[in-house]
Amino acid sequence: MDEKKELKDVFQKWAYLMSQVGYVQKDEKVSYGNTKYNAVTESKVLTKIRPLMIELDLIMFPTSGHIHSIQPSPKGTSLITTIEITYHVIDTVSGTMMNITAFGQGADSQDKGAGKAMTYAGKYALLKGLMIETGDDPDKTASAELDDFKDDDPYQPGDAFNEKAQTLLKYVEDNIEDPNQRAEYTNALKDITATKDWDRLNKADKVIRSL
C-alpha cells in the first residue's frame, strides 16, 4: 500500500481507515414478538476493520472503564449493566496515540451483563469512531424484551431479583449456624423480597456474605 508510507501518525492512519471503510452491512435479524429489525454483529465489524488496522500497524485495547449502573429490567427477568470504557488506539510505528470513549449496555439474568456491555461498547467505539454507516437505525426500535412486562406479575420465572433473593436465602440456610441469627436474616430477606427493593437486597448481600 503506497499510501501507507505517507501516513506519519495515528491520526493520519485513522483518517485513511475512515476512507477505506464506509459501510458495514447488517448481518443479523433480531426478532421478539412483533418487533423485528436488523443488526450488525461484533464479528462483522471486526472482520471488516481488523485486517486494515493490522496493515496500518494500529492496535486498539481498553485501558480504563467503570460500571455506571446495574439495574433490573422492567420485567425483572434480567439485570442491565451500563459501562463506560476508554480505548487506546496506538500507531506502533510512530508511537502516537488517540483515545476513544464508548458506552455499552448488556442485559443478562446471570453474570454475562458486563461482558455483553463491553462487546457493545467495543463495537460502537469502532463504528462511531470511524463514522461507519450501517443502514437503518436500530436505536429507533425499542427493546421489546425490556418493555414487555406486567406490573402485577412481580415473580415471573427467571426473575433476576427473586433469583438473587433465593440464592441469599439458600446461603443463609447453609452457612449461618446460629438458629436465631439464621431466622433473623431469613425473615429480613423475605421482607425484602416482598418489596422488591434492590438497594436493600444489595446491602443485605454484602452483610450476609461478610459474616
Protein backbone atom coordinates (compact mmCIF):
# COMPACT_ATOMS: atom_id res chain seq x y z
CA MET A 1 0.00 0.00 0.00
CA ASP A 2 1.85 3.08 -1.25
CA GLU A 3 -0.31 5.45 0.79
CA LYS A 4 0.91 3.81 3.99
CA LYS A 5 4.38 5.29 3.58
CA GLU A 6 2.89 8.78 3.71
CA LEU A 7 0.94 8.19 6.92
CA LYS A 8 3.02 9.61 9.74
CA ASP A 9 0.93 9.17 12.87
CA VAL A 10 -2.17 7.57 14.35
CA PHE A 11 -4.42 10.42 13.24
CA GLN A 12 -3.43 10.19 9.58
CA LYS A 13 -3.82 6.41 9.68
CA TRP A 14 -7.21 6.71 11.36
CA ALA A 15 -8.33 9.15 8.66
CA TYR A 16 -7.12 6.72 6.00
CA LEU A 17 -9.00 3.90 7.73
CA MET A 18 -12.16 6.02 7.64
CA SER A 19 -11.74 6.44 3.88
CA GLN A 20 -11.47 2.68 3.38
CA VAL A 21 -14.47 1.54 5.44
CA GLY A 22 -17.59 3.48 4.57
CA TYR A 23 -20.34 0.92 5.13
CA VAL A 24 -20.90 -2.28 7.10
CA GLN A 25 -23.88 -4.41 6.09
CA LYS A 26 -26.07 -5.61 8.93
CA ASP A 27 -25.83 -9.37 9.19
CA GLU A 28 -28.22 -10.39 11.95
CA LYS A 29 -32.00 -10.43 12.12
CA VAL A 30 -33.41 -9.76 15.59
CA SER A 31 -36.95 -10.83 16.35
CA TYR A 32 -39.02 -10.54 19.50
CA GLY A 33 -42.82 -10.74 19.36
CA ASN A 34 -43.94 -8.21 16.78
CA THR A 35 -40.58 -6.41 16.88
CA LYS A 36 -38.18 -7.21 14.07
CA TYR A 37 -35.05 -5.38 12.97
CA ASN A 38 -31.59 -5.95 11.54
CA ALA A 39 -28.37 -5.50 13.49
CA VAL A 40 -24.64 -5.62 12.84
CA THR A 41 -22.65 -8.10 14.91
CA GLU A 42 -19.26 -7.56 16.52
CA SER A 43 -17.86 -10.28 14.26
CA LYS A 44 -18.97 -8.40 11.15
CA VAL A 45 -17.37 -5.16 12.38
CA LEU A 46 -14.08 -6.81 13.31
CA THR A 47 -13.91 -8.77 10.05
CA LYS A 48 -14.22 -5.51 8.15
CA ILE A 49 -11.85 -3.35 10.22
CA ARG A 50 -9.26 -5.59 11.92
CA PRO A 51 -7.29 -6.58 8.77
CA LEU A 52 -6.92 -2.91 7.81
CA MET A 53 -5.77 -1.98 11.31
CA ILE A 54 -3.14 -4.72 11.19
CA GLU A 55 -1.98 -3.49 7.79
CA LEU A 56 -1.69 0.03 9.18
CA ASP A 57 0.20 -1.15 12.31
CA LEU A 58 -2.61 0.08 14.56
CA ILE A 59 -3.58 -1.59 17.81
CA MET A 60 -6.62 -0.88 19.98
CA PHE A 61 -7.34 -2.02 23.51
CA PRO A 62 -9.39 -0.93 26.56
CA THR A 63 -7.39 0.94 29.21
CA SER A 64 -9.94 2.16 31.70
CA GLY A 65 -13.60 1.94 32.45
CA HIS A 66 -16.23 1.77 35.10
CA ILE A 67 -19.73 0.49 35.63
CA HIS A 68 -22.27 3.30 35.71
CA SER A 69 -25.15 1.20 36.93
CA ILE A 70 -26.63 -2.26 37.29
CA GLN A 71 -30.40 -2.03 37.19
CA PRO A 72 -33.19 -4.60 36.83
CA SER A 73 -35.08 -4.62 33.58
CA PRO A 74 -38.74 -3.55 33.86
CA LYS A 75 -39.86 -7.14 33.59
CA GLY A 76 -37.33 -8.24 36.18
CA THR A 77 -36.03 -11.09 34.03
CA SER A 78 -32.52 -9.66 33.74
CA LEU A 79 -30.09 -7.07 35.00
CA ILE A 80 -28.97 -4.25 32.71
CA THR A 81 -25.31 -3.32 33.11
CA THR A 82 -24.22 0.10 31.80
CA ILE A 83 -20.50 0.70 31.40
CA GLU A 84 -18.14 3.38 30.10
CA ILE A 85 -14.82 2.28 28.55
CA THR A 86 -11.90 4.25 27.15
CA TYR A 87 -9.88 2.61 24.39
CA HIS A 88 -6.33 3.48 23.30
CA VAL A 89 -5.63 3.41 19.57
CA ILE A 90 -1.85 3.35 19.06
CA ASP A 91 0.28 3.59 15.95
CA THR A 92 3.03 1.09 16.76
CA VAL A 93 5.39 2.72 14.25
CA SER A 94 5.28 6.34 15.41
CA GLY A 95 4.13 5.65 18.97
CA THR A 96 1.36 8.24 18.67
CA MET A 97 -1.91 7.54 20.39
CA MET A 98 -5.54 8.62 20.48
CA ASN A 99 -8.42 7.74 22.81
CA ILE A 100 -11.99 6.68 22.11
CA THR A 101 -14.58 6.56 24.87
CA ALA A 102 -17.67 4.45 24.37
CA PHE A 103 -20.67 3.35 26.38
CA GLY A 104 -22.35 -0.02 26.34
CA GLN A 105 -25.27 -1.84 27.89
CA GLY A 106 -25.76 -5.54 28.37
CA ALA A 107 -28.77 -7.41 29.73
CA ASP A 108 -28.39 -10.86 31.27
CA SER A 109 -30.06 -12.87 34.01
CA GLN A 110 -26.77 -14.38 35.17
CA ASP A 111 -23.20 -12.99 35.13
CA LYS A 112 -22.69 -12.01 31.49
CA GLY A 113 -24.09 -8.46 31.59
CA ALA A 114 -20.69 -6.75 31.83
CA GLY A 115 -19.25 -8.89 29.03
CA LYS A 116 -22.16 -8.07 26.75
CA ALA A 117 -21.83 -4.38 27.60
CA MET A 118 -18.11 -4.49 26.73
CA THR A 119 -18.88 -6.13 23.39
CA TYR A 120 -21.43 -3.42 22.62
CA ALA A 121 -19.04 -0.64 23.66
CA GLY A 122 -16.17 -2.03 21.60
CA LYS A 123 -18.31 -2.46 18.53
CA TYR A 124 -19.69 1.06 18.69
CA ALA A 125 -16.32 2.58 19.52
CA LEU A 126 -15.21 1.41 16.08
CA LEU A 127 -18.46 2.19 14.27
CA LYS A 128 -18.82 5.69 15.70
CA GLY A 129 -15.12 6.43 15.89
CA LEU A 130 -14.82 5.74 12.17
CA MET A 131 -18.28 7.17 11.35
CA ILE A 132 -19.30 3.97 9.60
CA GLU A 133 -22.79 3.64 8.15
CA THR A 134 -24.81 0.53 8.93
CA GLY A 135 -28.11 1.37 7.24
CA ASP A 136 -31.32 1.76 9.22
CA ASP A 137 -31.09 2.87 12.84
CA PRO A 138 -31.82 0.06 15.33
CA ASP A 139 -31.86 2.57 18.18
CA LYS A 140 -35.22 3.82 16.90
CA THR A 141 -36.65 0.41 17.77
CA ALA A 142 -37.50 -0.04 21.42
CA SER A 143 -36.07 -3.15 23.06
CA ALA A 144 -39.30 -5.08 23.38
CA GLU A 145 -37.56 -7.63 25.55
CA LEU A 146 -37.25 -4.90 28.20
CA ASP A 147 -40.53 -3.08 27.60
CA ASP A 148 -42.87 -6.05 27.58
CA PHE A 149 -43.81 -6.55 31.22
CA LYS A 150 -46.74 -6.60 33.63
CA ASP A 151 -46.57 -4.61 36.88
CA ASP A 152 -48.91 -7.03 38.63
CA ASP A 153 -46.70 -10.05 38.00
CA PRO A 154 -43.53 -9.43 40.03
CA TYR A 155 -42.44 -13.03 40.40
CA GLN A 156 -42.11 -14.43 36.91
CA PRO A 157 -39.89 -17.39 36.03
CA GLY A 158 -36.33 -16.18 35.65
CA ASP A 159 -36.99 -13.05 37.73
CA ALA A 160 -33.48 -11.70 38.46
CA PHE A 161 -34.49 -10.13 41.78
CA ASN A 162 -36.23 -13.25 43.04
CA GLU A 163 -33.35 -15.47 41.89
CA LYS A 164 -30.82 -13.38 43.84
CA ALA A 165 -33.03 -13.35 46.92
CA GLN A 166 -33.46 -17.13 46.75
CA THR A 167 -29.70 -17.57 46.38
CA LEU A 168 -29.14 -15.50 49.51
CA LEU A 169 -31.77 -17.45 51.41
CA LYS A 170 -30.00 -20.67 50.47
CA TYR A 171 -26.68 -19.13 51.52
CA VAL A 172 -28.13 -18.21 54.92
CA GLU A 173 -29.55 -21.69 55.38
CA ASP A 174 -26.27 -23.40 54.51
CA ASN A 175 -23.76 -21.09 56.20
CA ILE A 176 -25.27 -19.50 59.31
CA GLU A 177 -25.24 -21.99 62.16
CA ASP A 178 -26.85 -19.91 64.90
CA PRO A 179 -30.62 -20.60 64.61
CA ASN A 180 -31.68 -17.18 65.93
CA GLN A 181 -29.37 -15.32 63.55
CA ARG A 182 -30.44 -17.58 60.69
CA ALA A 183 -34.10 -16.87 61.40
CA GLU A 184 -33.40 -13.12 61.64
CA TYR A 185 -31.74 -12.97 58.22
CA THR A 186 -34.29 -15.31 56.66
CA ASN A 187 -37.18 -13.10 57.78
CA ALA A 188 -35.35 -9.96 56.64
CA LEU A 189 -34.75 -11.45 53.19
CA LYS A 190 -38.39 -12.50 52.87
CA ASP A 191 -39.44 -8.95 53.74
CA ILE A 192 -37.03 -7.53 51.16
CA THR A 193 -38.27 -9.99 48.54
CA ALA A 194 -41.86 -8.87 49.13
CA THR A 195 -40.93 -5.22 48.48
CA LYS A 196 -38.50 -5.92 45.60
CA ASP A 197 -36.15 -3.26 46.95
CA TRP A 198 -32.85 -3.65 45.07
CA ASP A 199 -30.93 -1.31 47.38
CA ARG A 200 -31.89 -3.30 50.47
CA LEU A 201 -31.17 -6.58 48.73
CA ASN A 202 -27.69 -5.49 47.64
CA LYS A 203 -26.91 -4.22 51.15
CA ALA A 204 -28.16 -7.49 52.65
CA ASP A 205 -25.98 -9.41 50.20
CA LYS A 206 -22.85 -7.56 51.36
CA VAL A 207 -23.69 -8.00 55.04
CA ILE A 208 -24.60 -11.68 54.81
CA ARG A 209 -21.58 -12.68 52.73
CA SER A 210 -19.26 -10.87 55.14
CA LEU A 211 -20.39 -12.99 58.08
